[in-house]
Amino acid sequence: MKRILLTCAVFCLIISVSASAQMSDFKGQTWLCGNLGYAFGMGDAFVSYTEPYSNTKFSTDAGIGFGGQFYYGLQDKLLIGGELSLQSYTAKMSAPANLSLGIPEMDVSTSETKFNVIVNTLYAVSQTRSSALFLSGGTGLYDFGGTQLGLNTGLVWRYQVSDNVYLTGMPRFHVVFTDNTPMMIQLTMGAQFSLGG
C-alpha cells in the first residue's frame, strides 16, 4: 500500500515539474461531474476464506460504482466539493455436496448497492493547454455494515473536449473505519461540465 501511495506522489511531482504552461485560475469556477467506475476490495473485509469443517468458501468483493460531484473554486488552485455515489458489493458462498448428510452442492451469490456521501478537495498540480492534473482527498460517510466514517485520496485528470466539457479519469484509494477496515482502489472515468466563474 505504501508503494502505491509513493508511486502516486512521485508521478504528481514529475508532472508538476515538467509542466511548462502557466496554471489557470480556478477561483470562482463551478463544476458538475458524473463518473462510472470499478472498485477492487482490499483488507480483512474482502479476504476470501474457507471454513475447514464443511469446506464452505466465503468471499466478498467490491464492484461497479457510479456517482456525481460538485466543485467550487475557493482559490487559484484549490477547489472544494461534495460527492454522492453508489457502490456495489458482492458476497459469494460455495460448498461441496455432502452425500452422507444429504446436503446438495451450494453456490450462492448476493449483491447489494450502498450509498456514500463524501466531501472532497482538489488541488491543481499541473496544467497544459488541454489537460490538468489534481491531487484529490476527502472524508465522508460510507454505508458499509452501517454508516461509517472513511477517507479517500487520489488523483483527478481532466482533458478538455470543448469550451465547457471535459473528460475525467480518477484513481482513488478509500479506507473505511470499521472493525475489519475495508479498503478499496477505485478507478473511474466520467465527464465534467464547467458552469462558469
N, C-alpha and C. Protein backbone atom coordinates (compact mmCIF):
# COMPACT_ATOMS: atom_id res chain seq x y z
N MET A 1 0.82 -1.19 0.00
CA MET A 1 0.00 0.00 0.00
C MET A 1 0.86 1.26 0.00
N LYS A 2 1.96 1.22 0.79
CA LYS A 2 2.85 2.38 0.82
C LYS A 2 3.47 2.61 -0.55
N ARG A 3 3.75 1.53 -1.28
CA ARG A 3 4.34 1.67 -2.62
C ARG A 3 3.38 2.36 -3.57
N ILE A 4 2.09 2.04 -3.47
CA ILE A 4 1.09 2.66 -4.34
C ILE A 4 1.02 4.16 -4.08
N LEU A 5 0.95 4.55 -2.80
CA LEU A 5 0.87 5.97 -2.45
C LEU A 5 2.14 6.71 -2.85
N LEU A 6 3.30 6.06 -2.66
CA LEU A 6 4.57 6.69 -3.03
C LEU A 6 4.66 6.88 -4.54
N THR A 7 4.20 5.88 -5.31
CA THR A 7 4.20 5.99 -6.77
C THR A 7 3.33 7.15 -7.23
N CYS A 8 2.15 7.30 -6.62
CA CYS A 8 1.25 8.41 -6.98
C CYS A 8 1.90 9.76 -6.68
N ALA A 9 2.57 9.86 -5.52
CA ALA A 9 3.21 11.11 -5.15
C ALA A 9 4.35 11.47 -6.11
N VAL A 10 5.16 10.48 -6.49
CA VAL A 10 6.26 10.72 -7.43
C VAL A 10 5.72 11.12 -8.79
N PHE A 11 4.64 10.47 -9.23
CA PHE A 11 4.02 10.80 -10.52
C PHE A 11 3.55 12.25 -10.53
N CYS A 12 2.91 12.68 -9.46
CA CYS A 12 2.43 14.07 -9.37
C CYS A 12 3.59 15.05 -9.40
N LEU A 13 4.67 14.71 -8.71
CA LEU A 13 5.83 15.60 -8.67
C LEU A 13 6.46 15.75 -10.05
N ILE A 14 6.60 14.64 -10.77
CA ILE A 14 7.19 14.68 -12.11
C ILE A 14 6.34 15.52 -13.05
N ILE A 15 5.02 15.31 -13.00
CA ILE A 15 4.12 16.06 -13.88
C ILE A 15 4.16 17.54 -13.56
N SER A 16 4.17 17.89 -12.27
CA SER A 16 4.14 19.31 -11.90
C SER A 16 5.43 20.02 -12.29
N VAL A 17 6.56 19.32 -12.19
CA VAL A 17 7.84 19.93 -12.56
C VAL A 17 7.96 20.11 -14.07
N SER A 18 7.42 19.14 -14.83
CA SER A 18 7.58 19.17 -16.28
C SER A 18 6.57 20.08 -16.98
N ALA A 19 5.52 20.50 -16.28
CA ALA A 19 4.51 21.34 -16.93
C ALA A 19 5.09 22.71 -17.24
N SER A 20 4.95 23.14 -18.48
CA SER A 20 5.53 24.42 -18.88
C SER A 20 4.50 25.54 -18.96
N ALA A 21 3.22 25.19 -19.10
CA ALA A 21 2.20 26.22 -19.24
C ALA A 21 1.84 26.81 -17.89
N GLN A 22 1.42 28.08 -17.88
CA GLN A 22 1.02 28.73 -16.63
C GLN A 22 -0.31 28.16 -16.15
N MET A 23 -0.44 27.98 -14.85
CA MET A 23 -1.66 27.42 -14.28
C MET A 23 -2.82 28.39 -14.42
N SER A 24 -3.99 27.84 -14.72
CA SER A 24 -5.19 28.66 -14.78
C SER A 24 -5.65 29.01 -13.37
N ASP A 25 -6.44 30.05 -13.29
CA ASP A 25 -7.04 30.45 -12.03
C ASP A 25 -8.40 29.77 -11.91
N PHE A 26 -8.54 28.83 -10.97
CA PHE A 26 -9.79 28.09 -10.82
C PHE A 26 -10.73 28.76 -9.82
N LYS A 27 -10.30 29.87 -9.23
CA LYS A 27 -11.12 30.54 -8.23
C LYS A 27 -12.44 31.00 -8.84
N GLY A 28 -13.54 30.68 -8.15
CA GLY A 28 -14.87 31.08 -8.60
C GLY A 28 -15.50 30.17 -9.62
N GLN A 29 -14.77 29.16 -10.11
CA GLN A 29 -15.34 28.23 -11.09
C GLN A 29 -16.25 27.22 -10.39
N THR A 30 -17.29 26.80 -11.11
CA THR A 30 -18.22 25.80 -10.61
C THR A 30 -18.25 24.63 -11.58
N TRP A 31 -18.09 23.41 -11.05
CA TRP A 31 -18.06 22.21 -11.89
C TRP A 31 -19.11 21.21 -11.43
N LEU A 32 -19.74 20.56 -12.40
CA LEU A 32 -20.59 19.41 -12.15
C LEU A 32 -19.95 18.21 -12.85
N CYS A 33 -19.87 17.08 -12.16
CA CYS A 33 -19.18 15.91 -12.70
C CYS A 33 -20.03 14.66 -12.49
N GLY A 34 -19.90 13.73 -13.42
CA GLY A 34 -20.50 12.41 -13.29
C GLY A 34 -19.48 11.36 -13.68
N ASN A 35 -19.48 10.20 -13.00
CA ASN A 35 -18.49 9.19 -13.33
C ASN A 35 -19.01 7.78 -13.11
N LEU A 36 -18.34 6.85 -13.75
CA LEU A 36 -18.64 5.42 -13.66
C LEU A 36 -17.32 4.69 -13.50
N GLY A 37 -17.27 3.68 -12.63
CA GLY A 37 -16.01 3.01 -12.43
C GLY A 37 -16.14 1.65 -11.76
N TYR A 38 -14.99 1.14 -11.33
CA TYR A 38 -14.92 -0.18 -10.70
C TYR A 38 -13.98 -0.10 -9.50
N ALA A 39 -14.35 -0.76 -8.43
CA ALA A 39 -13.53 -0.76 -7.22
C ALA A 39 -13.05 -2.17 -6.91
N PHE A 40 -11.80 -2.26 -6.47
CA PHE A 40 -11.19 -3.52 -6.08
C PHE A 40 -11.02 -3.53 -4.56
N GLY A 41 -11.62 -4.51 -3.90
CA GLY A 41 -11.58 -4.58 -2.45
C GLY A 41 -10.26 -5.08 -1.92
N MET A 42 -9.85 -4.54 -0.76
CA MET A 42 -8.61 -4.93 -0.09
C MET A 42 -8.87 -4.97 1.40
N GLY A 43 -7.94 -5.56 2.15
CA GLY A 43 -8.08 -5.58 3.60
C GLY A 43 -8.88 -6.77 4.09
N ASP A 44 -9.03 -6.86 5.41
CA ASP A 44 -9.69 -8.01 6.03
C ASP A 44 -11.15 -8.17 5.59
N ALA A 45 -11.81 -7.07 5.25
CA ALA A 45 -13.22 -7.13 4.87
C ALA A 45 -13.43 -7.88 3.55
N PHE A 46 -12.38 -7.98 2.73
CA PHE A 46 -12.51 -8.60 1.42
C PHE A 46 -11.67 -9.86 1.28
N VAL A 47 -11.21 -10.42 2.37
CA VAL A 47 -10.40 -11.64 2.32
C VAL A 47 -11.31 -12.86 2.15
N SER A 48 -10.98 -13.70 1.16
CA SER A 48 -11.71 -14.96 0.98
C SER A 48 -11.20 -15.99 1.98
N TYR A 49 -12.09 -16.83 2.48
CA TYR A 49 -11.66 -17.87 3.41
C TYR A 49 -12.53 -19.10 3.26
N THR A 50 -12.02 -20.22 3.76
CA THR A 50 -12.73 -21.49 3.69
C THR A 50 -12.92 -22.03 5.10
N GLU A 51 -14.16 -22.37 5.42
CA GLU A 51 -14.48 -22.96 6.71
C GLU A 51 -14.01 -24.43 6.69
N PRO A 52 -13.07 -24.81 7.55
CA PRO A 52 -12.41 -26.11 7.41
C PRO A 52 -13.32 -27.32 7.60
N TYR A 53 -14.30 -27.24 8.50
CA TYR A 53 -15.13 -28.42 8.78
C TYR A 53 -16.02 -28.78 7.59
N SER A 54 -16.70 -27.77 7.04
CA SER A 54 -17.64 -28.04 5.94
C SER A 54 -17.04 -27.78 4.56
N ASN A 55 -15.81 -27.20 4.53
CA ASN A 55 -15.15 -26.83 3.27
C ASN A 55 -15.97 -25.79 2.50
N THR A 56 -16.73 -24.97 3.24
CA THR A 56 -17.52 -23.91 2.62
C THR A 56 -16.63 -22.69 2.38
N LYS A 57 -16.70 -22.14 1.18
CA LYS A 57 -15.88 -20.99 0.82
C LYS A 57 -16.71 -19.71 0.85
N PHE A 58 -16.17 -18.66 1.46
CA PHE A 58 -16.83 -17.37 1.54
C PHE A 58 -15.94 -16.30 0.93
N SER A 59 -16.53 -15.35 0.22
CA SER A 59 -15.75 -14.23 -0.33
C SER A 59 -16.66 -13.01 -0.49
N THR A 60 -16.04 -11.83 -0.38
CA THR A 60 -16.75 -10.56 -0.57
C THR A 60 -15.87 -9.66 -1.42
N ASP A 61 -16.46 -8.95 -2.35
CA ASP A 61 -15.66 -8.03 -3.18
C ASP A 61 -16.50 -6.82 -3.54
N ALA A 62 -15.80 -5.75 -3.90
CA ALA A 62 -16.47 -4.55 -4.42
C ALA A 62 -16.69 -4.75 -5.92
N GLY A 63 -17.23 -3.73 -6.57
CA GLY A 63 -17.52 -3.87 -8.00
C GLY A 63 -17.82 -2.52 -8.62
N ILE A 64 -18.83 -2.49 -9.46
CA ILE A 64 -19.18 -1.28 -10.21
C ILE A 64 -19.75 -0.21 -9.28
N GLY A 65 -19.38 1.03 -9.57
CA GLY A 65 -19.92 2.17 -8.83
C GLY A 65 -20.10 3.36 -9.74
N PHE A 66 -20.97 4.26 -9.35
CA PHE A 66 -21.15 5.49 -10.12
C PHE A 66 -21.59 6.61 -9.18
N GLY A 67 -21.41 7.84 -9.63
CA GLY A 67 -21.77 8.95 -8.77
C GLY A 67 -21.66 10.29 -9.45
N GLY A 68 -21.90 11.32 -8.67
CA GLY A 68 -21.81 12.68 -9.17
C GLY A 68 -21.12 13.58 -8.16
N GLN A 69 -20.47 14.63 -8.66
CA GLN A 69 -19.74 15.56 -7.81
C GLN A 69 -20.04 17.00 -8.19
N PHE A 70 -19.86 17.85 -7.21
CA PHE A 70 -19.99 19.30 -7.38
C PHE A 70 -18.75 19.94 -6.78
N TYR A 71 -18.11 20.84 -7.53
CA TYR A 71 -16.91 21.52 -7.02
C TYR A 71 -17.03 23.03 -7.22
N TYR A 72 -16.42 23.76 -6.29
CA TYR A 72 -16.36 25.22 -6.39
C TYR A 72 -14.94 25.67 -6.08
N GLY A 73 -14.39 26.57 -6.91
CA GLY A 73 -13.03 27.04 -6.73
C GLY A 73 -12.91 28.08 -5.62
N LEU A 74 -12.21 27.72 -4.54
CA LEU A 74 -12.01 28.64 -3.43
C LEU A 74 -10.81 29.55 -3.65
N GLN A 75 -9.76 28.99 -4.27
CA GLN A 75 -8.55 29.74 -4.54
C GLN A 75 -8.05 29.39 -5.94
N ASP A 76 -6.91 29.97 -6.33
CA ASP A 76 -6.39 29.76 -7.68
C ASP A 76 -6.27 28.28 -8.03
N LYS A 77 -5.76 27.46 -7.10
CA LYS A 77 -5.51 26.05 -7.37
C LYS A 77 -6.35 25.11 -6.52
N LEU A 78 -7.18 25.64 -5.64
CA LEU A 78 -7.90 24.82 -4.67
C LEU A 78 -9.40 24.87 -4.90
N LEU A 79 -10.01 23.68 -5.01
CA LEU A 79 -11.45 23.55 -5.14
C LEU A 79 -11.97 22.64 -4.03
N ILE A 80 -13.20 22.88 -3.61
CA ILE A 80 -13.84 22.04 -2.60
C ILE A 80 -15.21 21.64 -3.12
N GLY A 81 -15.64 20.45 -2.74
CA GLY A 81 -16.93 19.99 -3.26
C GLY A 81 -17.47 18.79 -2.52
N GLY A 82 -18.61 18.34 -2.99
CA GLY A 82 -19.27 17.18 -2.42
C GLY A 82 -19.51 16.11 -3.45
N GLU A 83 -19.70 14.90 -2.97
CA GLU A 83 -19.89 13.74 -3.86
C GLU A 83 -20.96 12.83 -3.30
N LEU A 84 -21.86 12.40 -4.15
CA LEU A 84 -22.83 11.36 -3.84
C LEU A 84 -22.54 10.19 -4.76
N SER A 85 -22.39 8.99 -4.19
CA SER A 85 -22.04 7.85 -5.03
C SER A 85 -22.74 6.59 -4.56
N LEU A 86 -22.89 5.67 -5.49
CA LEU A 86 -23.43 4.34 -5.21
C LEU A 86 -22.34 3.32 -5.53
N GLN A 87 -22.10 2.38 -4.61
CA GLN A 87 -21.07 1.36 -4.80
C GLN A 87 -21.67 -0.02 -4.59
N SER A 88 -21.41 -0.92 -5.52
CA SER A 88 -21.95 -2.28 -5.42
C SER A 88 -20.95 -3.20 -4.72
N TYR A 89 -21.47 -4.19 -4.00
CA TYR A 89 -20.67 -5.20 -3.33
C TYR A 89 -21.29 -6.57 -3.61
N THR A 90 -20.45 -7.60 -3.72
CA THR A 90 -20.93 -8.95 -4.00
C THR A 90 -20.38 -9.91 -2.96
N ALA A 91 -21.25 -10.72 -2.38
CA ALA A 91 -20.86 -11.77 -1.43
C ALA A 91 -21.17 -13.13 -2.05
N LYS A 92 -20.21 -14.05 -1.95
CA LYS A 92 -20.38 -15.38 -2.53
C LYS A 92 -20.13 -16.45 -1.48
N MET A 93 -20.89 -17.54 -1.60
CA MET A 93 -20.70 -18.70 -0.75
C MET A 93 -20.84 -19.95 -1.61
N SER A 94 -19.90 -20.86 -1.48
CA SER A 94 -19.98 -22.13 -2.21
C SER A 94 -19.55 -23.25 -1.29
N ALA A 95 -20.22 -24.41 -1.43
CA ALA A 95 -19.91 -25.57 -0.59
C ALA A 95 -20.12 -26.83 -1.41
N PRO A 96 -19.24 -27.81 -1.25
CA PRO A 96 -19.41 -29.07 -1.97
C PRO A 96 -20.56 -29.88 -1.38
N ALA A 97 -21.06 -30.81 -2.15
CA ALA A 97 -22.14 -31.67 -1.67
C ALA A 97 -21.62 -32.61 -0.58
N ASN A 98 -22.47 -32.90 0.37
CA ASN A 98 -22.17 -33.89 1.41
C ASN A 98 -23.25 -34.97 1.32
N LEU A 99 -22.94 -36.04 0.56
CA LEU A 99 -23.94 -37.07 0.28
C LEU A 99 -24.34 -37.84 1.53
N SER A 100 -23.41 -37.98 2.46
CA SER A 100 -23.72 -38.74 3.67
C SER A 100 -24.76 -38.02 4.52
N LEU A 101 -24.80 -36.70 4.45
CA LEU A 101 -25.79 -35.92 5.20
C LEU A 101 -26.95 -35.48 4.32
N GLY A 102 -26.89 -35.83 3.04
CA GLY A 102 -27.97 -35.46 2.12
C GLY A 102 -27.98 -33.98 1.78
N ILE A 103 -26.80 -33.33 1.83
CA ILE A 103 -26.70 -31.90 1.54
C ILE A 103 -26.20 -31.71 0.12
N PRO A 104 -26.96 -31.05 -0.74
CA PRO A 104 -26.51 -30.85 -2.13
C PRO A 104 -25.43 -29.76 -2.22
N GLU A 105 -24.78 -29.72 -3.34
CA GLU A 105 -23.79 -28.67 -3.59
C GLU A 105 -24.48 -27.31 -3.60
N MET A 106 -23.81 -26.31 -3.00
CA MET A 106 -24.39 -24.97 -2.93
C MET A 106 -23.45 -23.96 -3.58
N ASP A 107 -24.04 -23.01 -4.29
CA ASP A 107 -23.28 -21.91 -4.90
C ASP A 107 -24.19 -20.68 -4.91
N VAL A 108 -24.00 -19.79 -3.94
CA VAL A 108 -24.91 -18.66 -3.73
C VAL A 108 -24.13 -17.35 -3.89
N SER A 109 -24.73 -16.40 -4.59
CA SER A 109 -24.12 -15.08 -4.76
C SER A 109 -25.18 -14.01 -4.55
N THR A 110 -24.87 -13.02 -3.73
CA THR A 110 -25.80 -11.92 -3.49
C THR A 110 -25.07 -10.60 -3.73
N SER A 111 -25.80 -9.62 -4.22
CA SER A 111 -25.24 -8.30 -4.49
C SER A 111 -26.09 -7.24 -3.81
N GLU A 112 -25.44 -6.18 -3.38
CA GLU A 112 -26.16 -5.04 -2.83
C GLU A 112 -25.41 -3.76 -3.17
N THR A 113 -26.15 -2.66 -3.21
CA THR A 113 -25.58 -1.36 -3.56
C THR A 113 -25.70 -0.43 -2.36
N LYS A 114 -24.59 0.24 -2.03
CA LYS A 114 -24.54 1.11 -0.87
C LYS A 114 -24.34 2.57 -1.30
N PHE A 115 -24.78 3.49 -0.44
CA PHE A 115 -24.77 4.91 -0.73
C PHE A 115 -23.71 5.61 0.11
N ASN A 116 -22.88 6.45 -0.53
CA ASN A 116 -21.82 7.18 0.16
C ASN A 116 -21.99 8.69 -0.04
N VAL A 117 -21.67 9.45 1.00
CA VAL A 117 -21.69 10.92 0.93
C VAL A 117 -20.30 11.41 1.35
N ILE A 118 -19.61 12.11 0.46
CA ILE A 118 -18.21 12.45 0.67
C ILE A 118 -17.98 13.94 0.41
N VAL A 119 -17.10 14.54 1.19
CA VAL A 119 -16.63 15.91 0.97
C VAL A 119 -15.18 15.82 0.48
N ASN A 120 -14.88 16.44 -0.67
CA ASN A 120 -13.56 16.33 -1.28
C ASN A 120 -12.94 17.70 -1.53
N THR A 121 -11.61 17.71 -1.62
CA THR A 121 -10.88 18.88 -2.09
C THR A 121 -10.01 18.47 -3.28
N LEU A 122 -9.81 19.40 -4.20
CA LEU A 122 -8.91 19.21 -5.34
C LEU A 122 -7.85 20.29 -5.30
N TYR A 123 -6.60 19.91 -5.57
CA TYR A 123 -5.51 20.87 -5.64
C TYR A 123 -4.77 20.66 -6.95
N ALA A 124 -4.72 21.70 -7.79
CA ALA A 124 -4.09 21.59 -9.11
C ALA A 124 -2.57 21.54 -8.97
N VAL A 125 -1.96 20.52 -9.57
CA VAL A 125 -0.50 20.38 -9.52
C VAL A 125 0.13 20.53 -10.90
N SER A 126 -0.67 20.44 -11.96
CA SER A 126 -0.11 20.53 -13.30
C SER A 126 -1.20 20.91 -14.29
N GLN A 127 -0.82 21.66 -15.32
CA GLN A 127 -1.79 22.01 -16.35
C GLN A 127 -1.09 22.32 -17.67
N THR A 128 -1.67 21.83 -18.75
CA THR A 128 -1.26 22.19 -20.10
C THR A 128 -2.44 22.88 -20.75
N ARG A 129 -2.35 23.13 -22.03
CA ARG A 129 -3.42 23.85 -22.72
C ARG A 129 -4.75 23.09 -22.67
N SER A 130 -4.71 21.75 -22.76
CA SER A 130 -5.96 20.99 -22.84
C SER A 130 -6.19 20.04 -21.67
N SER A 131 -5.26 19.92 -20.74
CA SER A 131 -5.44 18.97 -19.65
C SER A 131 -4.94 19.53 -18.34
N ALA A 132 -5.36 18.89 -17.25
CA ALA A 132 -4.93 19.31 -15.92
C ALA A 132 -4.92 18.10 -15.00
N LEU A 133 -4.04 18.15 -14.00
CA LEU A 133 -3.92 17.07 -13.02
C LEU A 133 -4.10 17.66 -11.62
N PHE A 134 -4.91 16.99 -10.80
CA PHE A 134 -5.22 17.45 -9.45
C PHE A 134 -4.93 16.35 -8.43
N LEU A 135 -4.46 16.75 -7.27
CA LEU A 135 -4.47 15.87 -6.11
C LEU A 135 -5.85 15.93 -5.49
N SER A 136 -6.36 14.79 -5.06
CA SER A 136 -7.71 14.72 -4.50
C SER A 136 -7.66 14.09 -3.13
N GLY A 137 -8.46 14.59 -2.22
CA GLY A 137 -8.55 13.99 -0.89
C GLY A 137 -9.81 14.44 -0.19
N GLY A 138 -10.31 13.59 0.69
CA GLY A 138 -11.52 13.98 1.40
C GLY A 138 -11.94 12.96 2.44
N THR A 139 -13.07 13.23 3.04
CA THR A 139 -13.65 12.36 4.06
C THR A 139 -15.15 12.31 3.86
N GLY A 140 -15.77 11.31 4.46
CA GLY A 140 -17.22 11.22 4.30
C GLY A 140 -17.80 10.04 5.03
N LEU A 141 -19.07 9.78 4.76
CA LEU A 141 -19.81 8.69 5.37
C LEU A 141 -20.03 7.59 4.34
N TYR A 142 -19.57 6.39 4.66
CA TYR A 142 -19.68 5.22 3.79
C TYR A 142 -20.67 4.24 4.40
N ASP A 143 -21.54 3.71 3.59
CA ASP A 143 -22.50 2.71 4.05
C ASP A 143 -21.86 1.33 3.90
N PHE A 144 -21.25 0.86 4.96
CA PHE A 144 -20.56 -0.43 4.94
C PHE A 144 -20.86 -1.13 6.27
N GLY A 145 -21.93 -1.92 6.28
CA GLY A 145 -22.38 -2.53 7.53
C GLY A 145 -22.86 -1.49 8.52
N GLY A 146 -23.51 -0.44 8.01
CA GLY A 146 -23.90 0.71 8.80
C GLY A 146 -23.12 1.92 8.31
N THR A 147 -23.53 3.10 8.73
CA THR A 147 -22.87 4.33 8.28
C THR A 147 -21.55 4.50 9.04
N GLN A 148 -20.45 4.57 8.29
CA GLN A 148 -19.12 4.62 8.89
C GLN A 148 -18.32 5.77 8.28
N LEU A 149 -17.43 6.34 9.08
CA LEU A 149 -16.53 7.39 8.61
C LEU A 149 -15.41 6.78 7.77
N GLY A 150 -15.03 7.47 6.69
CA GLY A 150 -13.95 6.99 5.84
C GLY A 150 -13.16 8.13 5.25
N LEU A 151 -12.02 7.79 4.64
CA LEU A 151 -11.15 8.75 3.97
C LEU A 151 -10.86 8.28 2.55
N ASN A 152 -10.54 9.22 1.67
CA ASN A 152 -10.10 8.86 0.33
C ASN A 152 -9.01 9.81 -0.13
N THR A 153 -8.15 9.32 -1.00
CA THR A 153 -7.11 10.14 -1.60
C THR A 153 -6.79 9.59 -2.99
N GLY A 154 -6.32 10.47 -3.87
CA GLY A 154 -6.01 10.01 -5.21
C GLY A 154 -5.68 11.15 -6.15
N LEU A 155 -5.92 10.91 -7.42
CA LEU A 155 -5.65 11.86 -8.49
C LEU A 155 -6.89 12.07 -9.33
N VAL A 156 -7.02 13.27 -9.90
CA VAL A 156 -8.06 13.56 -10.89
C VAL A 156 -7.36 14.16 -12.10
N TRP A 157 -7.56 13.54 -13.25
CA TRP A 157 -7.01 14.05 -14.51
C TRP A 157 -8.19 14.44 -15.39
N ARG A 158 -8.10 15.61 -16.02
CA ARG A 158 -9.18 16.01 -16.92
C ARG A 158 -8.61 16.49 -18.25
N TYR A 159 -9.40 16.25 -19.30
CA TYR A 159 -8.99 16.61 -20.66
C TYR A 159 -10.12 17.37 -21.33
N GLN A 160 -9.82 18.54 -21.85
CA GLN A 160 -10.85 19.40 -22.44
C GLN A 160 -11.25 18.92 -23.83
N VAL A 161 -12.56 18.76 -24.05
CA VAL A 161 -13.07 18.36 -25.36
C VAL A 161 -13.88 19.46 -26.03
N SER A 162 -14.33 20.45 -25.26
CA SER A 162 -14.99 21.64 -25.81
C SER A 162 -14.85 22.75 -24.78
N ASP A 163 -15.47 23.90 -25.04
CA ASP A 163 -15.28 25.06 -24.16
C ASP A 163 -15.57 24.75 -22.70
N ASN A 164 -16.64 24.03 -22.43
CA ASN A 164 -17.06 23.80 -21.05
C ASN A 164 -17.20 22.33 -20.68
N VAL A 165 -16.69 21.43 -21.52
CA VAL A 165 -16.84 20.00 -21.28
C VAL A 165 -15.47 19.33 -21.24
N TYR A 166 -15.29 18.45 -20.23
CA TYR A 166 -14.02 17.76 -20.02
C TYR A 166 -14.28 16.27 -19.78
N LEU A 167 -13.35 15.44 -20.22
CA LEU A 167 -13.34 14.03 -19.84
C LEU A 167 -12.43 13.89 -18.61
N THR A 168 -12.79 12.97 -17.71
CA THR A 168 -12.01 12.82 -16.48
C THR A 168 -11.62 11.37 -16.25
N GLY A 169 -10.49 11.20 -15.58
CA GLY A 169 -10.05 9.90 -15.09
C GLY A 169 -9.65 10.07 -13.64
N MET A 170 -10.02 9.11 -12.78
CA MET A 170 -9.84 9.33 -11.35
C MET A 170 -9.49 8.02 -10.64
N PRO A 171 -8.20 7.75 -10.38
CA PRO A 171 -7.83 6.63 -9.49
C PRO A 171 -7.80 7.12 -8.05
N ARG A 172 -8.47 6.38 -7.16
CA ARG A 172 -8.51 6.79 -5.75
C ARG A 172 -8.39 5.58 -4.82
N PHE A 173 -7.92 5.86 -3.62
CA PHE A 173 -7.83 4.86 -2.56
C PHE A 173 -8.79 5.26 -1.45
N HIS A 174 -9.63 4.31 -1.02
CA HIS A 174 -10.60 4.55 0.05
C HIS A 174 -10.31 3.63 1.23
N VAL A 175 -10.48 4.14 2.43
CA VAL A 175 -10.42 3.31 3.64
C VAL A 175 -11.60 3.71 4.53
N VAL A 176 -12.29 2.69 5.07
CA VAL A 176 -13.45 2.91 5.92
C VAL A 176 -13.12 2.41 7.32
N PHE A 177 -13.43 3.23 8.34
CA PHE A 177 -13.03 2.91 9.71
C PHE A 177 -14.08 2.06 10.40
N THR A 178 -13.98 0.75 10.17
CA THR A 178 -14.81 -0.24 10.85
C THR A 178 -13.88 -1.27 11.47
N ASP A 179 -14.45 -2.28 12.12
CA ASP A 179 -13.64 -3.29 12.79
C ASP A 179 -12.71 -4.02 11.83
N ASN A 180 -13.18 -4.32 10.60
CA ASN A 180 -12.35 -5.05 9.65
C ASN A 180 -11.67 -4.15 8.62
N THR A 181 -11.78 -2.85 8.78
CA THR A 181 -11.09 -1.83 7.98
C THR A 181 -11.10 -2.14 6.48
N PRO A 182 -12.26 -2.08 5.84
CA PRO A 182 -12.29 -2.27 4.38
C PRO A 182 -11.55 -1.16 3.65
N MET A 183 -10.82 -1.57 2.61
CA MET A 183 -10.09 -0.63 1.76
C MET A 183 -10.42 -0.95 0.31
N MET A 184 -10.41 0.08 -0.53
CA MET A 184 -10.71 -0.12 -1.95
C MET A 184 -9.82 0.76 -2.81
N ILE A 185 -9.40 0.22 -3.94
CA ILE A 185 -8.80 1.02 -5.00
C ILE A 185 -9.87 1.18 -6.07
N GLN A 186 -10.22 2.41 -6.37
CA GLN A 186 -11.33 2.71 -7.29
C GLN A 186 -10.80 3.42 -8.52
N LEU A 187 -11.17 2.93 -9.69
CA LEU A 187 -10.79 3.53 -10.96
C LEU A 187 -12.07 3.99 -11.67
N THR A 188 -12.17 5.29 -11.96
CA THR A 188 -13.39 5.80 -12.59
C THR A 188 -13.05 6.69 -13.78
N MET A 189 -14.00 6.78 -14.69
CA MET A 189 -13.95 7.71 -15.81
C MET A 189 -15.28 8.44 -15.87
N GLY A 190 -15.25 9.68 -16.40
CA GLY A 190 -16.50 10.41 -16.44
C GLY A 190 -16.40 11.68 -17.25
N ALA A 191 -17.38 12.55 -17.03
CA ALA A 191 -17.45 13.85 -17.73
C ALA A 191 -17.62 14.94 -16.72
N GLN A 192 -17.06 16.09 -17.06
CA GLN A 192 -17.11 17.26 -16.17
C GLN A 192 -17.61 18.45 -16.97
N PHE A 193 -18.50 19.22 -16.36
CA PHE A 193 -19.11 20.38 -17.03
C PHE A 193 -18.82 21.63 -16.21
N SER A 194 -18.24 22.62 -16.84
CA SER A 194 -17.94 23.88 -16.18
C SER A 194 -19.12 24.84 -16.37
N LEU A 195 -19.62 25.35 -15.24
CA LEU A 195 -20.78 26.24 -15.28
C LEU A 195 -20.40 27.71 -15.23
N GLY A 196 -19.12 27.99 -15.42
CA GLY A 196 -18.68 29.38 -15.45
C GLY A 196 -17.93 29.76 -14.21
N GLY A 197 -17.62 31.04 -14.12
CA GLY A 197 -16.84 31.53 -13.00
C GLY A 197 -15.51 32.07 -13.47
